[in-house]
Amino acid sequence: MSERKNSERAKGFSLLKIVPSKSRGKLVTVLIPVVFFAVCALLVNLGVLRSHFAGLLVPLCYYIIMAVSLNFTVGILGELSLGHAGFMCIGAYVGGLFTLLTQDSITSAWIRFPIAILLGGLIAALAGFLIGVPILRLRGDYLAIVTLAFGEIVRNLVQNIYLSRDKAGLHFSFTNAIEPERLDPATNVDIMKGPMALNGISPDATLLISVILVVITIIVILNMVDSRAGRAIMSIRDNRIAAESTGINITKYKLIVFSLSAFFAGIAGVLFAHYSTVSPPKFDYNMSILILVFVVLGGVGNIRGSIIATAILYILPEVLRGFQSYRMLIYAIVLIVMMLLNNNERFNAWKKNTTERLTAWRKGLFRKKSGKEAE
C-alpha cells in the first residue's frame, strides 16, 4: 500500500514537472517583465529607487509593446517596416480624442480607458490593413521606404488638424485655424490646435494596466508565432517562392501580421497619450528608428531579447544621467558592443552551450528531487 502511494506521489510529481519546452519558454518570457516591474515597484515604494525612476516604468511598458509588435513584422515575417511610429500616432490621437470628448459623459476611467485602448488599437489595425493592401507587394528597401513615408504622412496630417467644440457641436478645419466667427466664445474649447500639444487628457495609464497590456501583447504574439498561421508566416520569411508554391496565401498572412502589429502599436499609443503629453513631433521617424534599434539589438525574431534590450537601452541613459558629459558616449559604446555580440558566432555558441548546461543541470536537479520523493 505504501509502495503504491509512493509511486503515485512520484508519478504526480513527474506529471507536474513534465511541461513542454515551448510552454516553459513562453512562461519565462511572460514572467520576465512581470517580475522586473514588480521588483522595481517594490524598490520604489521602499525608497531604494528614486521617484524619478518610477516615472520611467509606464513609458518602458509601451516601448516594450512597440518593440515586441515590430519584431513580429521584422523578425517573424521578415519585412523591414519603418513606419511603426505612424501607427502609434494614430492610436495616441484616437484614444486621446475619445477621452477628451467623453470625459464628461463617461466619468468612470475603468470604463472609458479600456474603450479608448480598444478603439485606438482597432483604428490603428484598420490603418495597417488599408495601407498594407497596396504596399505589402513590395519587399526589402522599397517596403522600408514606403512605410517610412507612411509614418511621416500620418504625422504631417495630424499636425494640420484643428478641432474645437462649443454648444453647437464640433468644428473641424484642415491646414488653417478655425475662423473665430464660427465659434461661440463663451463655450468654445480648442481640442486640437495643429502642431500644438493635445492637452487635458486624464492620466489613466497606471503601471498595473500597462503591465497587463504588456503581458497580453507577449502572450498573443508568442501564441501567434507557434500557431499554424505563425508557421506559414515563417515559411514566407524563409522562402517566399516555396511557400507560395505550397498554396500559402502570402498577401493574406502579410496583412494579418501588419494589422496585428499595428493594433498593438495603437495600444502603445493610447498608453502614451494617457501618460505623457501628445504632440506630432514625438512620432517622427526617430521614434521608428529607436524601436527598430531595440528589436535589432535584442535579436531579430527573438521576443524575449526585444523585452530585455528595450529595458536596458531605455533605462540606461537615465541611469547614466549623473555622467552628463559621457552619458551618450557610454550609451553608444553599449549599442556597439551589443551589436557585435549578437552577430558573433563564438558568443552565440557560448550562449547556446551555457543555456543547454543550465537546462541539463535543472533537469538533473528535478530527477534527484523526484527520486527522494519516491523513497
Protein backbone atom coordinates (compact mmCIF):
# COMPACT_ATOMS: atom_id res chain seq x y z
CA MET A 1 0.00 0.00 0.00
CA SER A 2 2.80 2.37 0.93
CA GLU A 3 4.69 1.48 -2.26
CA ARG A 4 1.59 2.33 -4.30
CA LYS A 5 1.27 5.70 -2.55
CA ASN A 6 4.95 6.44 -3.13
CA SER A 7 4.68 5.52 -6.80
CA GLU A 8 1.57 7.68 -7.21
CA ARG A 9 3.34 10.57 -5.47
CA ALA A 10 6.37 10.20 -7.71
CA LYS A 11 4.12 9.95 -10.76
CA GLY A 12 2.20 13.06 -9.71
CA PHE A 13 5.42 14.99 -9.23
CA SER A 14 6.71 13.89 -12.63
CA LEU A 15 3.45 14.95 -14.27
CA LEU A 16 3.78 18.40 -12.73
CA LYS A 17 7.29 18.86 -13.98
CA ILE A 18 6.65 17.48 -17.47
CA VAL A 19 5.83 20.72 -19.24
CA PRO A 20 6.60 21.17 -22.95
CA SER A 21 9.76 23.17 -23.53
CA LYS A 22 7.89 25.70 -25.69
CA SER A 23 5.42 26.32 -22.89
CA ARG A 24 8.25 26.77 -20.40
CA GLY A 25 9.90 29.23 -22.76
CA LYS A 26 6.67 31.19 -23.11
CA LEU A 27 6.20 31.23 -19.35
CA VAL A 28 9.71 32.55 -18.78
CA THR A 29 9.24 35.24 -21.44
CA VAL A 30 5.99 36.38 -19.82
CA LEU A 31 7.42 36.30 -16.29
CA ILE A 32 10.48 38.41 -17.13
CA PRO A 33 8.60 41.75 -17.44
CA VAL A 34 6.18 40.84 -14.63
CA VAL A 35 8.97 40.11 -12.14
CA PHE A 36 11.02 43.09 -13.31
CA PHE A 37 8.19 45.60 -12.88
CA ALA A 38 7.13 44.06 -9.56
CA VAL A 39 10.66 44.35 -8.17
CA CYS A 40 11.05 47.92 -9.47
CA ALA A 41 7.71 48.98 -7.95
CA LEU A 42 8.68 47.40 -4.62
CA LEU A 43 12.07 49.14 -4.59
CA VAL A 44 10.44 52.49 -5.39
CA ASN A 45 7.92 52.04 -2.56
CA LEU A 46 10.72 51.13 -0.14
CA GLY A 47 12.63 54.25 -1.14
CA VAL A 48 15.60 52.34 -2.58
CA LEU A 49 14.96 53.82 -6.04
CA ARG A 50 14.13 57.47 -6.61
CA SER A 51 10.64 58.53 -7.63
CA HIS A 52 12.15 59.70 -10.93
CA PHE A 53 12.80 56.05 -11.76
CA ALA A 54 9.14 55.22 -11.12
CA GLY A 55 8.23 57.66 -13.89
CA LEU A 56 10.16 55.51 -16.36
CA LEU A 57 8.18 52.32 -15.79
CA VAL A 58 4.99 53.14 -17.71
CA PRO A 59 6.92 54.53 -20.74
CA LEU A 60 9.03 51.38 -20.64
CA CYS A 61 5.80 49.34 -20.90
CA TYR A 62 4.63 50.99 -24.10
CA TYR A 63 8.13 50.81 -25.59
CA ILE A 64 8.17 47.06 -24.89
CA ILE A 65 4.77 46.71 -26.60
CA MET A 66 6.15 48.63 -29.59
CA ALA A 67 9.32 46.52 -29.77
CA VAL A 68 7.50 43.17 -29.47
CA SER A 69 4.90 44.13 -32.08
CA LEU A 70 7.55 45.44 -34.51
CA ASN A 71 9.59 42.26 -34.01
CA PHE A 72 6.54 40.33 -35.20
CA THR A 73 6.83 42.14 -38.54
CA VAL A 74 10.61 42.38 -38.82
CA GLY A 75 11.67 39.12 -37.18
CA ILE A 76 8.82 36.68 -37.79
CA LEU A 77 7.58 37.93 -41.18
CA GLY A 78 10.98 39.16 -42.30
CA GLU A 79 9.86 42.52 -43.68
CA LEU A 80 11.53 45.80 -42.68
CA SER A 81 8.97 48.39 -41.54
CA LEU A 82 9.98 51.93 -40.60
CA GLY A 83 6.51 53.37 -40.10
CA HIS A 84 5.67 51.91 -36.69
CA ALA A 85 5.58 55.38 -35.11
CA GLY A 86 2.74 56.24 -37.51
CA PHE A 87 0.51 53.54 -36.01
CA MET A 88 1.46 54.69 -32.54
CA CYS A 89 0.49 58.23 -33.53
CA ILE A 90 -2.91 57.04 -34.78
CA GLY A 91 -3.57 55.16 -31.55
CA ALA A 92 -2.44 58.08 -29.41
CA TYR A 93 -4.69 60.63 -31.11
CA VAL A 94 -7.70 58.33 -31.46
CA GLY A 95 -7.54 57.25 -27.81
CA GLY A 96 -6.71 60.75 -26.60
CA LEU A 97 -9.55 62.38 -28.54
CA PHE A 98 -12.02 59.76 -27.35
CA THR A 99 -11.08 60.50 -23.74
CA LEU A 100 -11.27 64.26 -24.25
CA LEU A 101 -14.69 64.04 -25.88
CA THR A 102 -16.19 61.61 -23.37
CA GLN A 103 -14.68 62.74 -20.06
CA ASP A 104 -17.92 64.46 -19.10
CA SER A 105 -20.29 61.73 -20.26
CA ILE A 106 -18.25 58.65 -19.21
CA THR A 107 -16.92 59.66 -15.81
CA SER A 108 -15.54 56.23 -14.82
CA ALA A 109 -11.95 55.75 -16.02
CA TRP A 110 -12.37 51.96 -15.66
CA ILE A 111 -14.96 52.08 -18.44
CA ARG A 112 -13.60 54.94 -20.55
CA PHE A 113 -9.94 53.88 -20.67
CA PRO A 114 -10.47 50.26 -21.87
CA ILE A 115 -12.77 51.58 -24.61
CA ALA A 116 -10.09 54.09 -25.62
CA ILE A 117 -7.47 51.31 -25.72
CA LEU A 118 -9.67 49.07 -27.85
CA LEU A 119 -10.69 51.91 -30.15
CA GLY A 120 -7.13 53.16 -30.63
CA GLY A 121 -5.88 49.66 -31.37
CA LEU A 122 -8.68 48.87 -33.84
CA ILE A 123 -8.31 52.12 -35.79
CA ALA A 124 -4.55 51.60 -35.99
CA ALA A 125 -5.14 48.00 -37.17
CA LEU A 126 -7.58 49.25 -39.79
CA ALA A 127 -4.97 51.76 -40.98
CA GLY A 128 -2.40 48.95 -41.08
CA PHE A 129 -4.76 46.81 -43.17
CA LEU A 130 -5.61 49.61 -45.60
CA ILE A 131 -2.01 50.69 -46.10
CA GLY A 132 -0.89 47.06 -46.24
CA VAL A 133 -3.06 46.16 -49.24
CA PRO A 134 -1.04 48.25 -51.72
CA ILE A 135 2.42 48.31 -50.10
CA LEU A 136 2.93 44.73 -48.92
CA ARG A 137 3.50 43.66 -52.50
CA LEU A 138 6.80 45.49 -52.13
CA ARG A 139 9.82 43.94 -50.45
CA GLY A 140 13.14 44.91 -48.94
CA ASP A 141 14.30 48.51 -49.19
CA TYR A 142 11.22 49.55 -51.16
CA LEU A 143 8.90 48.47 -48.37
CA ALA A 144 11.09 50.23 -45.79
CA ILE A 145 10.98 53.49 -47.75
CA VAL A 146 7.21 53.38 -48.26
CA THR A 147 6.49 52.58 -44.60
CA LEU A 148 8.82 55.41 -43.56
CA ALA A 149 6.87 57.74 -45.85
CA PHE A 150 3.60 56.48 -44.35
CA GLY A 151 4.75 57.38 -40.84
CA GLU A 152 5.75 60.88 -41.94
CA ILE A 153 2.47 61.38 -43.82
CA VAL A 154 0.45 60.46 -40.72
CA ARG A 155 2.45 62.84 -38.56
CA ASN A 156 2.11 65.71 -41.03
CA LEU A 157 -1.63 65.11 -41.45
CA VAL A 158 -2.18 65.18 -37.70
CA GLN A 159 -0.27 68.41 -37.18
CA ASN A 160 -2.54 70.18 -39.69
CA ILE A 161 -5.83 69.29 -37.99
CA TYR A 162 -7.75 71.89 -35.96
CA LEU A 163 -10.69 70.74 -33.86
CA SER A 164 -12.87 72.78 -31.50
CA ARG A 165 -16.08 72.20 -29.59
CA ASP A 166 -18.78 74.62 -28.45
CA LYS A 167 -22.52 74.44 -27.74
CA ALA A 168 -23.19 73.96 -31.47
CA GLY A 169 -21.01 70.85 -31.61
CA LEU A 170 -17.64 70.03 -33.16
CA HIS A 171 -15.86 72.31 -35.64
CA PHE A 172 -13.17 70.89 -37.91
CA SER A 173 -10.60 72.55 -40.14
CA PHE A 174 -7.60 71.29 -42.07
CA THR A 175 -4.37 73.28 -42.60
CA ASN A 176 -5.87 76.52 -41.22
CA ALA A 177 -7.14 77.54 -37.80
CA ILE A 178 -10.91 77.67 -37.37
CA GLU A 179 -12.39 81.12 -38.07
CA PRO A 180 -13.47 82.86 -34.81
CA GLU A 181 -16.87 83.78 -36.25
CA ARG A 182 -17.75 80.08 -36.50
CA LEU A 183 -17.24 79.59 -32.76
CA ASP A 184 -19.17 80.61 -29.68
CA PRO A 185 -16.58 82.39 -27.49
CA ALA A 186 -18.48 81.59 -24.28
CA THR A 187 -18.49 77.80 -24.71
CA ASN A 188 -15.62 77.20 -27.15
CA VAL A 189 -12.93 74.67 -26.21
CA ASP A 190 -9.95 74.06 -28.50
CA ILE A 191 -9.22 70.34 -28.66
CA MET A 192 -6.67 70.05 -31.47
CA LYS A 193 -4.59 73.03 -32.48
CA GLY A 194 -2.45 71.77 -35.32
CA PRO A 195 1.15 71.21 -34.23
CA MET A 196 0.36 72.18 -30.63
CA ALA A 197 0.19 69.51 -27.93
CA LEU A 198 -3.02 67.67 -27.12
CA ASN A 199 -3.74 68.73 -23.53
CA GLY A 200 -6.35 67.84 -20.95
CA ILE A 201 -6.24 64.03 -21.29
CA SER A 202 -6.78 62.35 -17.93
CA PRO A 203 -3.70 60.31 -16.82
CA ASP A 204 -5.42 56.92 -16.74
CA ALA A 205 -2.36 54.83 -17.70
CA THR A 206 -1.28 53.21 -14.43
CA LEU A 207 1.61 50.79 -14.04
CA LEU A 208 -0.73 47.86 -13.34
CA ILE A 209 -2.75 48.42 -16.53
CA SER A 210 0.43 48.93 -18.54
CA VAL A 211 2.00 45.68 -17.29
CA ILE A 212 -1.24 43.79 -18.03
CA LEU A 213 -1.17 45.12 -21.61
CA VAL A 214 2.49 44.10 -21.94
CA VAL A 215 1.63 40.56 -20.81
CA ILE A 216 -1.34 40.37 -23.20
CA THR A 217 0.85 41.56 -26.08
CA ILE A 218 3.56 38.99 -25.37
CA ILE A 219 1.08 36.12 -24.96
CA VAL A 220 -0.78 36.95 -28.18
CA ILE A 221 2.40 37.34 -30.24
CA LEU A 222 4.01 34.16 -28.86
CA ASN A 223 0.86 32.09 -29.43
CA MET A 224 0.53 33.55 -32.91
CA VAL A 225 4.12 32.54 -33.70
CA ASP A 226 3.51 28.96 -32.52
CA SER A 227 0.21 28.62 -34.36
CA ARG A 228 -0.45 27.25 -37.83
CA ALA A 229 -0.59 30.81 -39.16
CA GLY A 230 2.74 31.54 -37.48
CA ARG A 231 4.39 28.60 -39.23
CA ALA A 232 3.00 29.83 -42.54
CA ILE A 233 4.35 33.32 -41.82
CA MET A 234 7.82 32.00 -41.01
CA SER A 235 7.80 29.89 -44.17
CA ILE A 236 7.15 33.10 -46.14
CA ARG A 237 10.11 34.67 -44.38
CA ASP A 238 12.42 31.72 -45.09
CA ASN A 239 11.47 31.11 -48.72
CA ARG A 240 8.71 33.12 -50.33
CA ILE A 241 8.64 31.15 -53.59
CA ALA A 242 8.49 27.77 -51.85
CA ALA A 243 5.72 29.00 -49.53
CA GLU A 244 3.69 30.28 -52.46
CA SER A 245 4.18 27.04 -54.37
CA THR A 246 2.63 25.05 -51.49
CA GLY A 247 -0.54 27.14 -51.63
CA ILE A 248 0.13 29.64 -48.84
CA ASN A 249 -1.68 32.94 -49.45
CA ILE A 250 1.23 35.33 -48.98
CA THR A 251 -0.81 38.55 -49.14
CA LYS A 252 -3.30 37.24 -46.58
CA TYR A 253 -0.68 36.36 -43.98
CA LYS A 254 1.27 39.55 -44.55
CA LEU A 255 -1.89 41.55 -43.91
CA ILE A 256 -2.53 39.57 -40.73
CA VAL A 257 0.96 40.36 -39.43
CA PHE A 258 0.83 44.01 -40.45
CA SER A 259 -2.63 44.55 -38.95
CA LEU A 260 -1.84 42.77 -35.67
CA SER A 261 1.45 44.65 -35.32
CA ALA A 262 -0.35 47.95 -35.99
CA PHE A 263 -3.05 47.02 -33.44
CA PHE A 264 -0.53 46.69 -30.61
CA ALA A 265 1.32 49.82 -31.76
CA GLY A 266 -2.02 51.64 -31.48
CA ILE A 267 -2.47 50.31 -27.93
CA ALA A 268 1.01 51.60 -27.07
CA GLY A 269 -0.03 54.97 -28.50
CA VAL A 270 -3.12 55.08 -26.25
CA LEU A 271 -0.91 54.39 -23.22
CA PHE A 272 1.42 57.15 -24.38
CA ALA A 273 -1.45 59.64 -24.71
CA HIS A 274 -2.77 58.87 -21.23
CA TYR A 275 0.60 59.22 -19.54
CA SER A 276 2.60 61.83 -21.43
CA THR A 277 1.88 64.96 -23.47
CA VAL A 278 0.94 64.15 -27.07
CA SER A 279 2.31 66.26 -29.92
CA PRO A 280 3.09 65.34 -33.57
CA PRO A 281 6.90 65.82 -33.38
CA LYS A 282 7.12 62.96 -30.87
CA PHE A 283 6.05 60.48 -33.57
CA ASP A 284 8.63 61.30 -36.23
CA TYR A 285 10.92 58.76 -37.91
CA ASN A 286 13.33 58.90 -34.96
CA MET A 287 10.74 57.02 -32.89
CA SER A 288 10.53 54.27 -35.52
CA ILE A 289 14.32 54.02 -35.71
CA LEU A 290 14.56 53.83 -31.90
CA ILE A 291 12.09 50.93 -31.76
CA LEU A 292 13.95 49.20 -34.62
CA VAL A 293 17.19 49.55 -32.61
CA PHE A 294 15.54 47.79 -29.69
CA VAL A 295 14.45 44.96 -32.00
CA VAL A 296 17.78 44.52 -33.77
CA LEU A 297 19.94 44.64 -30.66
CA GLY A 298 17.63 42.26 -28.82
CA GLY A 299 17.80 39.82 -31.71
CA VAL A 300 15.60 39.81 -34.79
CA GLY A 301 12.85 37.25 -34.22
CA ASN A 302 13.68 36.95 -30.51
CA ILE A 303 10.71 38.24 -28.49
CA ARG A 304 12.47 37.79 -25.15
CA GLY A 305 15.52 39.61 -26.47
CA SER A 306 13.37 42.56 -27.53
CA ILE A 307 11.99 42.86 -23.99
CA ILE A 308 15.43 42.77 -22.37
CA ALA A 309 17.05 45.11 -24.92
CA THR A 310 14.23 47.65 -24.56
CA ALA A 311 14.57 47.65 -20.77
CA ILE A 312 18.34 48.06 -20.90
CA LEU A 313 18.53 50.65 -23.65
CA TYR A 314 15.64 52.78 -22.37
CA ILE A 315 16.74 52.89 -18.74
CA LEU A 316 20.50 53.13 -19.41
CA PRO A 317 20.59 56.83 -20.45
CA GLU A 318 18.60 57.75 -17.32
CA VAL A 319 20.86 55.70 -15.08
CA LEU A 320 23.89 57.41 -16.63
CA ARG A 321 22.42 60.89 -16.20
CA GLY A 322 24.97 61.54 -13.44
CA PHE A 323 27.71 61.18 -16.07
CA GLN A 324 26.32 64.09 -18.05
CA SER A 325 29.40 64.62 -20.20
CA TYR A 326 29.89 60.96 -21.09
CA ARG A 327 26.31 59.68 -20.95
CA MET A 328 25.67 59.36 -24.69
CA LEU A 329 29.21 58.11 -25.31
CA ILE A 330 28.67 55.20 -22.91
CA TYR A 331 25.24 54.58 -24.46
CA ALA A 332 26.80 54.41 -27.94
CA ILE A 333 29.51 52.02 -26.72
CA VAL A 334 26.88 49.71 -25.21
CA LEU A 335 24.96 49.74 -28.51
CA ILE A 336 28.08 48.80 -30.47
CA VAL A 337 29.06 46.05 -28.03
CA MET A 338 25.56 44.52 -28.10
CA MET A 339 25.51 44.64 -31.89
CA LEU A 340 28.92 42.95 -32.14
CA LEU A 341 28.00 40.25 -29.62
CA ASN A 342 24.68 39.45 -31.30
CA ASN A 343 26.48 38.91 -34.61
CA ASN A 344 29.42 36.97 -33.15
CA GLU A 345 29.27 33.22 -33.81
CA ARG A 346 31.52 32.32 -30.87
CA PHE A 347 29.42 34.34 -28.43
CA ASN A 348 26.18 32.83 -29.76
CA ALA A 349 27.69 29.33 -29.49
CA TRP A 350 28.83 30.04 -25.91
CA LYS A 351 25.37 31.37 -25.04
CA LYS A 352 23.73 28.27 -26.52
CA ASN A 353 26.08 25.91 -24.66
CA THR A 354 25.51 27.76 -21.39
CA THR A 355 21.74 27.52 -21.84
CA GLU A 356 21.97 23.79 -22.56
CA ARG A 357 24.15 23.21 -19.47
CA LEU A 358 21.73 25.13 -17.25
CA THR A 359 18.81 23.14 -18.69
CA ALA A 360 20.63 19.85 -18.09
CA TRP A 361 21.52 20.91 -14.53
CA ARG A 362 17.91 21.83 -13.81
CA LYS A 363 16.64 18.52 -15.20
CA GLY A 364 19.19 16.63 -13.08
CA LEU A 365 18.08 18.55 -10.01
CA PHE A 366 14.45 17.63 -10.69
CA ARG A 367 15.38 13.98 -11.11
CA LYS A 368 17.14 13.95 -7.73
CA LYS A 369 14.12 15.53 -6.06
CA SER A 370 11.82 13.05 -7.77
CA GLY A 371 13.94 10.15 -6.53
CA LYS A 372 13.84 11.46 -2.96
CA GLU A 373 10.05 11.86 -3.14
CA ALA A 374 9.69 8.30 -4.42
CA GLU A 375 11.71 6.99 -1.47
